[in-house]
C-alpha atoms as a PDB file:
ATOM      1  CA  MET A   1       0.000   0.000   0.000  1.00  0.00           C
ATOM      2  CA  LYS A   2       0.986   3.608  -0.491  1.00  0.00           C
ATOM      3  CA  GLU A   3      -0.379   6.624   1.325  1.00  0.00           C
ATOM      4  CA  ALA A   4      -2.298   8.856  -1.056  1.00  0.00           C
ATOM      5  CA  TYR A   5      -0.742  12.066  -2.339  1.00  0.00           C
ATOM      6  CA  LEU A   6      -3.900  14.149  -2.628  1.00  0.00           C
ATOM      7  CA  TYR A   7      -6.390  13.919   0.207  1.00  0.00           C
ATOM      8  CA  LYS A   8      -7.594  15.910   3.203  1.00  0.00           C
ATOM      9  CA  HIS A   9      -8.126  14.810   6.800  1.00  0.00           C
ATOM     10  CA  LEU A  10     -11.638  15.494   8.114  1.00  0.00           C
ATOM     11  CA  ASN A  11     -13.326  15.093  11.498  1.00  0.00           C
ATOM     12  CA  GLU A  12     -14.011  11.681  13.010  1.00  0.00           C
ATOM     13  CA  LYS A  13     -11.178  10.068  11.033  1.00  0.00           C
ATOM     14  CA  LYS A  14     -12.930  10.714   7.749  1.00  0.00           C
ATOM     15  CA  VAL A  15     -10.910  11.761   4.699  1.00  0.00           C
ATOM     16  CA  ARG A  16     -11.718  13.467   1.417  1.00  0.00           C
ATOM     17  CA  CYS A  17      -9.952  12.144  -1.660  1.00  0.00           C
ATOM     18  CA  ASP A  18      -8.914  14.983  -3.964  1.00  0.00           C
ATOM     19  CA  LEU A  19      -7.791  12.923  -6.946  1.00  0.00           C
ATOM     20  CA  CYS A  20     -10.926  12.805  -9.045  1.00  0.00           C
ATOM     21  CA  ALA A  21     -13.981  15.001  -9.327  1.00  0.00           C
ATOM     22  CA  HIS A  22     -16.086  12.649  -7.197  1.00  0.00           C
ATOM     23  CA  ARG A  23     -14.074  13.978  -4.220  1.00  0.00           C
ATOM     24  CA  CYS A  24     -15.262  11.020  -2.150  1.00  0.00           C
ATOM     25  CA  ILE A  25     -15.647  11.565   1.577  1.00  0.00           C
ATOM     26  CA  ILE A  26     -14.543   8.231   2.999  1.00  0.00           C
ATOM     27  CA  GLU A  27     -15.212   6.946   6.481  1.00  0.00           C
ATOM     28  CA  GLU A  28     -12.702   4.808   8.362  1.00  0.00           C
ATOM     29  CA  ASP A  29     -12.330   1.287   6.924  1.00  0.00           C
ATOM     30  CA  LYS A  30     -14.299   2.294   3.808  1.00  0.00           C
ATOM     31  CA  SER A  31     -13.247   2.826   0.204  1.00  0.00           C
ATOM     32  CA  GLY A  32     -14.114   5.435  -2.391  1.00  0.00           C
ATOM     33  CA  ILE A  33     -16.146   4.911  -5.562  1.00  0.00           C
ATOM     34  CA  CYS A  34     -13.093   3.490  -7.344  1.00  0.00           C
ATOM     35  CA  LYS A  35     -12.795   0.797  -4.631  1.00  0.00           C
ATOM     36  CA  VAL A  36      -8.990   0.970  -4.644  1.00  0.00           C
ATOM     37  CA  ARG A  37      -8.441   3.867  -2.246  1.00  0.00           C
ATOM     38  CA  LYS A  38      -9.193   3.037   1.372  1.00  0.00           C
ATOM     39  CA  ASN A  39      -9.343   4.952   4.640  1.00  0.00           C
ATOM     40  CA  ILE A  40      -7.225   3.051   7.164  1.00  0.00           C
ATOM     41  CA  LYS A  41      -7.129   4.599  10.638  1.00  0.00           C
ATOM     42  CA  GLY A  42      -7.793   8.071   9.280  1.00  0.00           C
ATOM     43  CA  LYS A  43      -5.254   7.925   6.439  1.00  0.00           C
ATOM     44  CA  LEU A  44      -6.021   7.322   2.769  1.00  0.00           C
ATOM     45  CA  TYR A  45      -4.093   4.558   1.022  1.00  0.00           C
ATOM     46  CA  SER A  46      -3.818   3.244  -2.527  1.00  0.00           C
ATOM     47  CA  LEU A  47      -4.500  -0.497  -2.570  1.00  0.00           C
ATOM     48  CA  VAL A  48      -2.969  -0.965  -6.035  1.00  0.00           C
ATOM     49  CA  TYR A  49       0.451   0.667  -5.682  1.00  0.00           C
ATOM     50  CA  GLU A  50       3.027  -1.406  -7.636  1.00  0.00           C
ATOM     51  CA  LYS A  51       0.304  -3.981  -8.343  1.00  0.00           C
ATOM     52  CA  VAL A  52       0.019  -4.457 -12.106  1.00  0.00           C
ATOM     53  CA  ILE A  53      -2.916  -6.257 -13.723  1.00  0.00           C
ATOM     54  CA  ALA A  54      -1.971  -5.595 -17.369  1.00  0.00           C
ATOM     55  CA  GLN A  55       1.202  -4.654 -19.231  1.00  0.00           C
ATOM     56  CA  ALA A  56       2.186  -4.621 -22.896  1.00  0.00           C
ATOM     57  CA  VAL A  57       4.330  -2.926 -25.505  1.00  0.00           C
ATOM     58  CA  ASP A  58       1.911  -0.972 -27.714  1.00  0.00           C
ATOM     59  CA  PRO A  59       2.234   1.308 -30.707  1.00  0.00           C
ATOM     60  CA  ILE A  60       1.551   4.866 -29.565  1.00  0.00           C
ATOM     61  CA  GLU A  61      -1.215   4.959 -32.187  1.00  0.00           C
ATOM     62  CA  LYS A  62      -3.190   2.487 -30.075  1.00  0.00           C
ATOM     63  CA  LYS A  63      -3.664   5.014 -27.252  1.00  0.00           C
ATOM     64  CA  PRO A  64      -4.724   6.655 -29.662  1.00  0.00           C
ATOM     65  CA  LEU A  65      -2.146   9.408 -30.098  1.00  0.00           C
ATOM     66  CA  TYR A  66      -1.490  10.390 -33.723  1.00  0.00           C
ATOM     67  CA  HIS A  67       0.422  13.626 -33.182  1.00  0.00           C
ATOM     68  CA  PHE A  68       2.743  12.463 -30.404  1.00  0.00           C
ATOM     69  CA  LEU A  69       5.875  10.532 -31.403  1.00  0.00           C
ATOM     70  CA  PRO A  70       4.134   8.762 -34.335  1.00  0.00           C
ATOM     71  CA  GLY A  71       5.481   5.311 -35.088  1.00  0.00           C
ATOM     72  CA  SER A  72       7.009   4.885 -31.627  1.00  0.00           C
ATOM     73  CA  LYS A  73       6.383   2.225 -28.989  1.00  0.00           C
ATOM     74  CA  SER A  74       4.834   2.879 -25.585  1.00  0.00           C
ATOM     75  CA  TYR A  75       5.197   0.602 -22.563  1.00  0.00           C
ATOM     76  CA  SER A  76       1.638   0.312 -21.243  1.00  0.00           C
ATOM     77  CA  ILE A  77       0.525  -0.620 -17.737  1.00  0.00           C
ATOM     78  CA  ALA A  78      -2.635  -0.707 -15.627  1.00  0.00           C
ATOM     79  CA  THR A  79      -3.956  -1.712 -12.236  1.00  0.00           C
ATOM     80  CA  VAL A  80      -7.489  -2.798 -11.425  1.00  0.00           C
ATOM     81  CA  GLY A  81     -10.110  -0.168 -10.680  1.00  0.00           C
ATOM     82  CA  CYS A  82     -11.847   2.840 -12.181  1.00  0.00           C
ATOM     83  CA  ASN A  83     -13.737   5.906 -10.995  1.00  0.00           C
ATOM     84  CA  PHE A  84     -16.354   5.418 -13.735  1.00  0.00           C
ATOM     85  CA  THR A  85     -18.814   2.566 -14.257  1.00  0.00           C
ATOM     86  CA  CYS A  86     -19.255   2.773 -18.038  1.00  0.00           C
ATOM     87  CA  LEU A  87     -21.888   0.357 -19.301  1.00  0.00           C
ATOM     88  CA  ASN A  88     -19.884  -0.134 -22.485  1.00  0.00           C
ATOM     89  CA  CYS A  89     -16.415  -0.616 -20.958  1.00  0.00           C
ATOM     90  CA  GLN A  90     -14.209  -2.821 -23.126  1.00  0.00           C
ATOM     91  CA  ASN A  91     -11.896  -3.606 -20.203  1.00  0.00           C
ATOM     92  CA  TYR A  92     -14.610  -4.159 -17.607  1.00  0.00           C
ATOM     93  CA  GLU A  93     -12.956  -7.355 -16.300  1.00  0.00           C
ATOM     94  CA  ILE A  94     -10.198  -5.224 -14.784  1.00  0.00           C
ATOM     95  CA  SER A  95     -11.759  -1.759 -14.524  1.00  0.00           C
ATOM     96  CA  GLN A  96     -14.772  -3.055 -12.587  1.00  0.00           C
ATOM     97  CA  TYR A  97     -12.888  -5.858 -10.834  1.00  0.00           C
ATOM     98  CA  MET A  98     -13.321  -4.451  -7.336  1.00  0.00           C
ATOM     99  CA  TYR A  99     -17.104  -4.438  -7.631  1.00  0.00           C
ATOM    100  CA  TYR A 100     -16.993  -8.247  -7.717  1.00  0.00           C
ATOM    101  CA  HIS A 101     -13.966  -9.054  -5.535  1.00  0.00           C
ATOM    102  CA  ASP A 102     -12.785  -8.126  -2.061  1.00  0.00           C
ATOM    103  CA  GLU A 103      -9.074  -7.731  -2.805  1.00  0.00           C
ATOM    104  CA  ALA A 104      -7.182  -6.060  -5.645  1.00  0.00           C
ATOM    105  CA  ALA A 105      -5.674  -8.477  -8.145  1.00  0.00           C
ATOM    106  CA  GLY A 106      -2.284  -7.983  -9.755  1.00  0.00           C
ATOM    107  CA  LYS A 107       1.387  -8.848  -9.404  1.00  0.00           C
ATOM    108  CA  TYR A 108       4.089  -6.845  -7.690  1.00  0.00           C
ATOM    109  CA  TYR A 109       5.879  -4.665 -10.208  1.00  0.00           C
ATOM    110  CA  SER A 110       8.116  -1.932  -8.841  1.00  0.00           C
ATOM    111  CA  VAL A 111       8.360   1.556 -10.311  1.00  0.00           C
ATOM    112  CA  ASP A 112      11.984   0.829 -11.228  1.00  0.00           C
ATOM    113  CA  ASN A 113      11.001  -2.371 -13.032  1.00  0.00           C
ATOM    114  CA  VAL A 114       8.479  -0.518 -15.187  1.00  0.00           C
ATOM    115  CA  VAL A 115      11.066   2.001 -16.324  1.00  0.00           C
ATOM    116  CA  SER A 116      13.814  -0.565 -16.904  1.00  0.00           C
ATOM    117  CA  ASP A 117      11.454  -2.752 -18.948  1.00  0.00           C
ATOM    118  CA  ALA A 118      10.351   0.231 -21.030  1.00  0.00           C
ATOM    119  CA  ILE A 119      13.996   0.933 -21.832  1.00  0.00           C
ATOM    120  CA  PHE A 120      14.719  -2.749 -22.514  1.00  0.00           C
ATOM    121  CA  PHE A 121      11.901  -2.933 -25.056  1.00  0.00           C
ATOM    122  CA  GLU A 122      13.106   0.287 -26.706  1.00  0.00           C
ATOM    123  CA  CYS A 123       9.965   2.263 -25.928  1.00  0.00           C
ATOM    124  CA  ASN A 124       9.936   6.041 -26.152  1.00  0.00           C
ATOM    125  CA  SER A 125       7.222   6.457 -23.556  1.00  0.00           C
ATOM    126  CA  ILE A 126       5.274   4.834 -20.746  1.00  0.00           C
ATOM    127  CA  ALA A 127       1.484   4.845 -21.011  1.00  0.00           C
ATOM    128  CA  TYR A 128      -0.833   4.650 -18.020  1.00  0.00           C
ATOM    129  CA  THR A 129      -3.857   3.135 -19.673  1.00  0.00           C
ATOM    130  CA  TYR A 130      -6.393   0.270 -20.036  1.00  0.00           C
ATOM    131  CA  THR A 131      -8.189   1.272 -16.806  1.00  0.00           C
ATOM    132  CA  GLU A 132      -8.262   4.818 -15.371  1.00  0.00           C
ATOM    133  CA  PRO A 133      -4.787   6.035 -14.372  1.00  0.00           C
ATOM    134  CA  THR A 134      -6.214   8.602 -11.960  1.00  0.00           C
ATOM    135  CA  ILE A 135      -7.032   5.805  -9.516  1.00  0.00           C
ATOM    136  CA  PHE A 136      -3.413   4.573  -9.498  1.00  0.00           C
ATOM    137  CA  PHE A 137      -2.020   8.091  -9.568  1.00  0.00           C
ATOM    138  CA  GLU A 138       0.708   7.585  -6.938  1.00  0.00           C
ATOM    139  CA  TYR A 139       2.105   4.640  -8.877  1.00  0.00           C
ATOM    140  CA  ALA A 140       1.932   6.489 -12.203  1.00  0.00           C
ATOM    141  CA  ILE A 141       3.552   9.675 -10.923  1.00  0.00           C
ATOM    142  CA  ASP A 142       6.346   7.834  -9.122  1.00  0.00           C
ATOM    143  CA  ILE A 143       7.099   5.958 -12.351  1.00  0.00           C
ATOM    144  CA  ALA A 144       6.857   9.168 -14.386  1.00  0.00           C
ATOM    145  CA  LYS A 145       9.500  10.885 -12.259  1.00  0.00           C
ATOM    146  CA  ILE A 146      12.032   8.139 -12.882  1.00  0.00           C
ATOM    147  CA  ALA A 147      11.031   7.812 -16.533  1.00  0.00           C
ATOM    148  CA  LYS A 148      11.660  11.520 -17.157  1.00  0.00           C
ATOM    149  CA  SER A 149      15.122  11.241 -15.630  1.00  0.00           C
ATOM    150  CA  LYS A 150      15.866   8.445 -18.124  1.00  0.00           C
ATOM    151  CA  GLY A 151      14.660  10.433 -21.131  1.00  0.00           C
ATOM    152  CA  LEU A 152      11.276   8.729 -21.506  1.00  0.00           C
ATOM    153  CA  LYS A 153       7.941  10.471 -22.093  1.00  0.00           C
ATOM    154  CA  ASN A 154       4.793   9.766 -20.083  1.00  0.00           C
ATOM    155  CA  VAL A 155       1.245   9.372 -21.386  1.00  0.00           C
ATOM    156  CA  PHE A 156      -2.157   9.285 -19.668  1.00  0.00           C
ATOM    157  CA  VAL A 157      -5.106   7.600 -21.392  1.00  0.00           C
ATOM    158  CA  THR A 158      -7.924   8.886 -19.251  1.00  0.00           C
ATOM    159  CA  ASN A 159     -11.560   9.836 -18.813  1.00  0.00           C
ATOM    160  CA  GLY A 160     -10.384  13.266 -17.668  1.00  0.00           C
ATOM    161  CA  PHE A 161     -12.496  13.185 -14.500  1.00  0.00           C
ATOM    162  CA  PHE A 162      -9.756  14.538 -12.265  1.00  0.00           C
ATOM    163  CA  THR A 163      -9.128  17.633 -10.175  1.00  0.00           C
ATOM    164  CA  LYS A 164      -6.924  20.622 -10.906  1.00  0.00           C
ATOM    165  CA  GLN A 165      -4.583  19.404  -8.153  1.00  0.00           C
ATOM    166  CA  VAL A 166      -3.936  16.281 -10.215  1.00  0.00           C
ATOM    167  CA  ILE A 167      -3.190  18.297 -13.347  1.00  0.00           C
ATOM    168  CA  ASP A 168      -0.838  20.550 -11.366  1.00  0.00           C
ATOM    169  CA  LYS A 169       1.020  17.480 -10.126  1.00  0.00           C
ATOM    170  CA  MET A 170       1.071  16.023 -13.662  1.00  0.00           C
ATOM    171  CA  SER A 171       2.590  19.194 -15.091  1.00  0.00           C
ATOM    172  CA  GLY A 172       6.184  18.632 -16.167  1.00  0.00           C
ATOM    173  CA  LEU A 173       5.844  14.855 -15.751  1.00  0.00           C
ATOM    174  CA  ILE A 174       2.968  13.801 -18.005  1.00  0.00           C
ATOM    175  CA  ASP A 175       3.772  14.844 -21.562  1.00  0.00           C
ATOM    176  CA  ALA A 176       0.601  13.823 -23.376  1.00  0.00           C
ATOM    177  CA  ALA A 177      -2.914  12.646 -22.661  1.00  0.00           C
ATOM    178  CA  ASN A 178      -5.718  11.165 -24.671  1.00  0.00           C
ATOM    179  CA  ILE A 179      -8.901  12.191 -22.901  1.00  0.00           C
ATOM    180  CA  ASP A 180     -12.313  10.659 -23.538  1.00  0.00           C
ATOM    181  CA  LEU A 181     -14.947  13.245 -24.315  1.00  0.00           C
ATOM    182  CA  LYS A 182     -17.834  10.820 -24.198  1.00  0.00           C
ATOM    183  CA  SER A 183     -20.717  13.195 -24.759  1.00  0.00           C
ATOM    184  CA  MET A 184     -21.888  16.775 -24.312  1.00  0.00           C
ATOM    185  CA  ASN A 185     -24.863  15.568 -22.303  1.00  0.00           C
ATOM    186  CA  GLU A 186     -24.870  15.418 -18.501  1.00  0.00           C
ATOM    187  CA  ASN A 187     -27.477  12.632 -18.537  1.00  0.00           C
ATOM    188  CA  PHE A 188     -25.167  10.479 -20.655  1.00  0.00           C
ATOM    189  CA  TYR A 189     -22.337  10.940 -18.176  1.00  0.00           C
ATOM    190  CA  LYS A 190     -24.612  10.200 -15.246  1.00  0.00           C
ATOM    191  CA  ASN A 191     -26.502   7.204 -16.641  1.00  0.00           C
ATOM    192  CA  ILE A 192     -23.963   5.573 -18.957  1.00  0.00           C
ATOM    193  CA  ALA A 193     -20.592   6.471 -17.421  1.00  0.00           C
ATOM    194  CA  GLY A 194     -21.286   7.184 -13.760  1.00  0.00           C
ATOM    195  CA  GLY A 195     -19.701  10.628 -13.812  1.00  0.00           C
ATOM    196  CA  ARG A 196     -20.300  14.255 -14.787  1.00  0.00           C
ATOM    197  CA  LEU A 197     -19.511  16.254 -17.901  1.00  0.00           C
ATOM    198  CA  LYS A 198     -18.374  19.623 -16.547  1.00  0.00           C
ATOM    199  CA  PRO A 199     -15.260  18.367 -14.714  1.00  0.00           C
ATOM    200  CA  VAL A 200     -14.112  16.658 -17.916  1.00  0.00           C
ATOM    201  CA  LEU A 201     -14.496  19.851 -19.940  1.00  0.00           C
ATOM    202  CA  SER A 202     -12.577  21.758 -17.268  1.00  0.00           C
ATOM    203  CA  SER A 203      -9.803  19.144 -17.280  1.00  0.00           C
ATOM    204  CA  ILE A 204      -9.384  19.395 -21.041  1.00  0.00           C
ATOM    205  CA  GLU A 205      -9.099  23.176 -20.868  1.00  0.00           C
ATOM    206  CA  TYR A 206      -6.768  23.228 -17.873  1.00  0.00           C
ATOM    207  CA  ALA A 207      -4.477  20.425 -19.081  1.00  0.00           C
ATOM    208  CA  LYS A 208      -4.090  22.271 -22.370  1.00  0.00           C
ATOM    209  CA  GLN A 209      -3.193  25.456 -20.499  1.00  0.00           C
ATOM    210  CA  LYS A 210      -0.549  23.555 -18.502  1.00  0.00           C
ATOM    211  CA  GLY A 211       1.231  22.494 -21.682  1.00  0.00           C
ATOM    212  CA  ILE A 212       0.211  18.832 -21.801  1.00  0.00           C
ATOM    213  CA  TRP A 213      -0.265  17.628 -25.389  1.00  0.00           C
ATOM    214  CA  ILE A 214      -3.953  16.723 -25.661  1.00  0.00           C
ATOM    215  CA  GLU A 215      -5.839  14.480 -28.063  1.00  0.00           C
ATOM    216  CA  LEU A 216      -9.511  13.632 -27.571  1.00  0.00           C
ATOM    217  CA  THR A 217     -11.557  10.510 -28.276  1.00  0.00           C
ATOM    218  CA  THR A 218     -15.314  10.136 -28.648  1.00  0.00           C
ATOM    219  CA  LEU A 219     -16.908   6.699 -28.933  1.00  0.00           C
ATOM    220  CA  ILE A 220     -20.051   7.135 -31.025  1.00  0.00           C
ATOM    221  CA  ILE A 221     -22.827   4.927 -29.611  1.00  0.00           C
ATOM    222  CA  PRO A 222     -26.005   4.598 -31.725  1.00  0.00           C
ATOM    223  CA  THR A 223     -29.060   6.275 -30.147  1.00  0.00           C
ATOM    224  CA  LEU A 224     -27.046   7.565 -27.176  1.00  0.00           C
ATOM    225  CA  ASN A 225     -24.657  10.218 -28.507  1.00  0.00           C
ATOM    226  CA  ASP A 226     -24.834   9.988 -32.317  1.00  0.00           C
ATOM    227  CA  SER A 227     -27.156  12.877 -33.181  1.00  0.00           C
ATOM    228  CA  GLU A 228     -25.752  15.474 -35.549  1.00  0.00           C
ATOM    229  CA  LYS A 229     -26.364  18.186 -32.957  1.00  0.00           C
ATOM    230  CA  GLU A 230     -24.379  16.421 -30.253  1.00  0.00           C
ATOM    231  CA  ILE A 231     -21.513  15.586 -32.598  1.00  0.00           C
ATOM    232  CA  GLU A 232     -21.445  19.222 -33.714  1.00  0.00           C
ATOM    233  CA  ASP A 233     -21.527  20.405 -30.087  1.00  0.00           C
ATOM    234  CA  ILE A 234     -18.507  18.233 -29.279  1.00  0.00           C
ATOM    235  CA  ALA A 235     -16.617  19.556 -32.293  1.00  0.00           C
ATOM    236  CA  LYS A 236     -17.459  23.155 -31.418  1.00  0.00           C
ATOM    237  CA  PHE A 237     -16.237  22.703 -27.864  1.00  0.00           C
ATOM    238  CA  ILE A 238     -12.940  21.243 -29.092  1.00  0.00           C
ATOM    239  CA  LYS A 239     -12.471  24.150 -31.470  1.00  0.00           C
ATOM    240  CA  SER A 240     -13.199  26.612 -28.665  1.00  0.00           C
ATOM    241  CA  VAL A 241     -10.221  25.159 -26.794  1.00  0.00           C
ATOM    242  CA  ASP A 242      -7.887  24.773 -29.786  1.00  0.00           C
ATOM    243  CA  GLU A 243      -8.561  23.896 -33.418  1.00  0.00           C
ATOM    244  CA  ASN A 244      -5.275  21.951 -33.411  1.00  0.00           C
ATOM    245  CA  ILE A 245      -6.476  19.332 -30.910  1.00  0.00           C
ATOM    246  CA  PRO A 246      -6.768  15.999 -32.768  1.00  0.00           C
ATOM    247  CA  TRP A 247     -10.217  14.408 -32.419  1.00  0.00           C
ATOM    248  CA  HIS A 248     -10.522  10.624 -32.680  1.00  0.00           C
ATOM    249  CA  ILE A 249     -14.016   9.368 -33.497  1.00  0.00           C
ATOM    250  CA  SER A 250     -14.407   5.662 -32.721  1.00  0.00           C
ATOM    251  CA  ALA A 251     -17.039   3.093 -33.567  1.00  0.00           C
ATOM    252  CA  PHE A 252     -18.908   1.295 -30.793  1.00  0.00           C
ATOM    253  CA  TYR A 253     -19.201  -2.487 -30.661  1.00  0.00           C
ATOM    254  CA  PRO A 254     -21.664  -4.187 -28.267  1.00  0.00           C
ATOM    255  CA  THR A 255     -20.002  -5.198 -24.999  1.00  0.00           C
ATOM    256  CA  TYR A 256     -20.461  -5.509 -21.230  1.00  0.00           C
ATOM    257  CA  LYS A 257     -23.908  -4.106 -20.345  1.00  0.00           C
ATOM    258  CA  LEU A 258     -24.667  -2.524 -23.727  1.00  0.00           C
ATOM    259  CA  THR A 259     -25.073  -5.631 -25.855  1.00  0.00           C
ATOM    260  CA  SER A 260     -28.510  -4.721 -27.236  1.00  0.00           C
ATOM    261  CA  ILE A 261     -27.236  -1.680 -29.154  1.00  0.00           C
ATOM    262  CA  PRO A 262     -25.933  -2.330 -32.697  1.00  0.00           C
ATOM    263  CA  PRO A 263     -22.402  -1.417 -33.785  1.00  0.00           C
ATOM    264  CA  THR A 264     -21.753   2.060 -35.118  1.00  0.00           C
ATOM    265  CA  SER A 265     -22.028   2.211 -38.894  1.00  0.00           C
ATOM    266  CA  ILE A 266     -19.232   3.414 -41.151  1.00  0.00           C
ATOM    267  CA  LYS A 267     -21.706   6.003 -42.443  1.00  0.00           C
ATOM    268  CA  THR A 268     -22.080   7.482 -38.949  1.00  0.00           C
ATOM    269  CA  ILE A 269     -18.305   7.694 -38.447  1.00  0.00           C
ATOM    270  CA  GLN A 270     -17.970   9.420 -41.818  1.00  0.00           C
ATOM    271  CA  LYS A 271     -20.753  11.844 -40.878  1.00  0.00           C
ATOM    272  CA  ALA A 272     -19.033  12.713 -37.592  1.00  0.00           C
ATOM    273  CA  TYR A 273     -15.720  13.132 -39.407  1.00  0.00           C
ATOM    274  CA  ASP A 274     -17.327  15.513 -41.908  1.00  0.00           C
ATOM    275  CA  ILE A 275     -18.974  17.525 -39.120  1.00  0.00           C
ATOM    276  CA  GLY A 276     -15.670  17.897 -37.301  1.00  0.00           C
ATOM    277  CA  LYS A 277     -13.962  19.169 -40.421  1.00  0.00           C
ATOM    278  CA  SER A 278     -16.834  21.510 -41.284  1.00  0.00           C
ATOM    279  CA  VAL A 279     -16.704  23.063 -37.807  1.00  0.00           C
ATOM    280  CA  GLY A 280     -13.046  23.885 -38.441  1.00  0.00           C
ATOM    281  CA  LEU A 281     -11.040  21.216 -36.610  1.00  0.00           C
ATOM    282  CA  ARG A 282      -7.738  20.686 -38.363  1.00  0.00           C
ATOM    283  CA  TYR A 283      -7.160  17.064 -37.402  1.00  0.00           C
ATOM    284  CA  VAL A 284     -10.104  14.658 -37.300  1.00  0.00           C
ATOM    285  CA  TYR A 285      -9.731  10.873 -37.359  1.00  0.00           C
ATOM    286  CA  GLY A 286     -12.200   8.042 -37.772  1.00  0.00           C
ATOM    287  CA  GLY A 287     -11.139   4.774 -36.248  1.00  0.00           C
ATOM    288  CA  ASN A 288     -12.147   1.313 -35.164  1.00  0.00           C
ATOM    289  CA  ILE A 289     -13.668   0.539 -38.552  1.00  0.00           C
ATOM    290  CA  PRO A 290     -12.186  -1.638 -41.323  1.00  0.00           C
ATOM    291  CA  LYS A 291     -10.577  -0.379 -44.521  1.00  0.00           C
ATOM    292  CA  ASN A 292     -10.916   3.375 -44.191  1.00  0.00           C
ATOM    293  CA  ASN A 293      -8.761   6.368 -45.016  1.00  0.00           C
ATOM    294  CA  LEU A 294      -9.951   8.411 -42.062  1.00  0.00           C
ATOM    295  CA  GLU A 295      -6.889   7.469 -39.988  1.00  0.00           C
ATOM    296  CA  ASN A 296      -4.466   9.405 -42.176  1.00  0.00           C
ATOM    297  CA  THR A 297      -2.965  12.785 -41.294  1.00  0.00           C
ATOM    298  CA  TYR A 298      -3.368  15.485 -43.938  1.00  0.00           C
ATOM    299  CA  CYS A 299      -2.031  19.008 -44.048  1.00  0.00           C
ATOM    300  CA  TYR A 300      -4.842  21.317 -42.954  1.00  0.00           C
ATOM    301  CA  ASN A 301      -3.533  23.992 -45.316  1.00  0.00           C
ATOM    302  CA  CYS A 302      -2.880  22.253 -48.655  1.00  0.00           C
ATOM    303  CA  GLY A 303      -4.370  18.785 -48.152  1.00  0.00           C
ATOM    304  CA  GLU A 304      -1.087  16.909 -48.642  1.00  0.00           C
ATOM    305  CA  LEU A 305      -1.048  13.335 -47.263  1.00  0.00           C
ATOM    306  CA  LEU A 306       1.510  13.499 -44.453  1.00  0.00           C
ATOM    307  CA  ILE A 307       1.113  10.255 -42.504  1.00  0.00           C
ATOM    308  CA  GLU A 308      -0.595   7.227 -44.013  1.00  0.00           C
ATOM    309  CA  ARG A 309      -1.842   4.618 -41.535  1.00  0.00           C
ATOM    310  CA  SER A 310      -3.311   1.146 -41.640  1.00  0.00           C
ATOM    311  CA  GLY A 311      -4.739   0.300 -38.247  1.00  0.00           C
ATOM    312  CA  PHE A 312      -1.962   1.041 -35.748  1.00  0.00           C
ATOM    313  CA  ALA A 313       0.807   0.796 -38.361  1.00  0.00           C
ATOM    314  CA  ILE A 314       2.355   3.725 -40.219  1.00  0.00           C
ATOM    315  CA  ILE A 315       2.760   3.056 -43.946  1.00  0.00           C
ATOM    316  CA  LYS A 316       4.309   6.390 -44.862  1.00  0.00           C
ATOM    317  CA  ASN A 317       5.442   9.529 -43.035  1.00  0.00           C
ATOM    318  CA  VAL A 318       6.690  12.443 -45.138  1.00  0.00           C
ATOM    319  CA  LEU A 319       6.843  15.004 -42.346  1.00  0.00           C
ATOM    320  CA  SER A 320      10.071  16.877 -41.861  1.00  0.00           C
ATOM    321  CA  GLY A 321       9.898  17.883 -38.220  1.00  0.00           C
ATOM    322  CA  ASN A 322       6.591  19.682 -37.768  1.00  0.00           C
ATOM    323  CA  LYS A 323       6.437  21.135 -41.285  1.00  0.00           C
ATOM    324  CA  CYS A 324       4.400  20.075 -44.310  1.00  0.00           C
ATOM    325  CA  PRO A 325       6.977  19.350 -47.051  1.00  0.00           C
ATOM    326  CA  LYS A 326       4.694  20.805 -49.734  1.00  0.00           C
ATOM    327  CA  CYS A 327       3.475  24.128 -48.296  1.00  0.00           C
ATOM    328  CA  ASN A 328       5.634  24.487 -45.179  1.00  0.00           C
ATOM    329  CA  ALA A 329       2.578  24.788 -42.876  1.00  0.00           C
ATOM    330  CA  GLN A 330       3.218  24.070 -39.194  1.00  0.00           C
ATOM    331  CA  ILE A 331       1.648  20.760 -38.136  1.00  0.00           C
ATOM    332  CA  ALA A 332       0.651  20.597 -34.469  1.00  0.00           C
ATOM    333  CA  GLY A 333       2.077  17.980 -32.139  1.00  0.00           C
ATOM    334  CA  VAL A 334       5.270  16.331 -30.943  1.00  0.00           C
ATOM    335  CA  LEU A 335       6.269  14.990 -34.329  1.00  0.00           C
END
């Protein structure tokens, strides 16, 4: 166990966790919504520190990050637990594990081991992913500190439901984040994800201000968030923050507790892609569908094909630094 970095002592041995926007007030011997942060004798502890449930070497494009070290490898890790209860979670076996078990699963894996393995496998970054990295924040940040000293980058793949204190502590350590922007509807966040929209919007804005490279992902779920108005509202919000933020639009496939809803059609992904471009976003991507050209990076200025992709693989990359070789336009990202 590891004592939490961000929490406040309250009366009667209660504590308030200040990691995510739930800000759980936790009584002694109880856990927060994520189930992996427990009040023990008036102190808050992480139950998953150095306790890995999943690890892999992934292409950075799988995060997905298309404008951050394209073509590189990222050493990816996760613990059990999540602060959301998404009905469509693809990794529900580990994210929701603590709702069905009394003790956190996983194997001991020290912060030093994570970094040394990332270097051994010639990765350029470490990704905190698969579940929600906010709930294993102490582990992630301790790894990130060592990783930075060894020349590695650090990546969060997150629902963005964290506090400003977390972003402040991430600053200078976490280099990039892919944040889920699931919907622009509070009811969706409440009923489908188990969270709230406004903290996510605030996190996107604040993380961008703090210099973290941001890319956003929206999973389009038929009947739940696929109306043209909602897609346009998402695109308009992104543009209001920065037209250079890449937006990844993904197709839904039935899973977990949403098995009665059909998969997202290619037509819907194309429609969302077109809306994003029409609103004025420079970098829009359609993913999770077979045989499409919506995963490629084009110059926003002249339309030149800059990075051609097939799934998570890069077929061609003609970028020279951050410049389009044809018109010399500046392409956003860490390229």
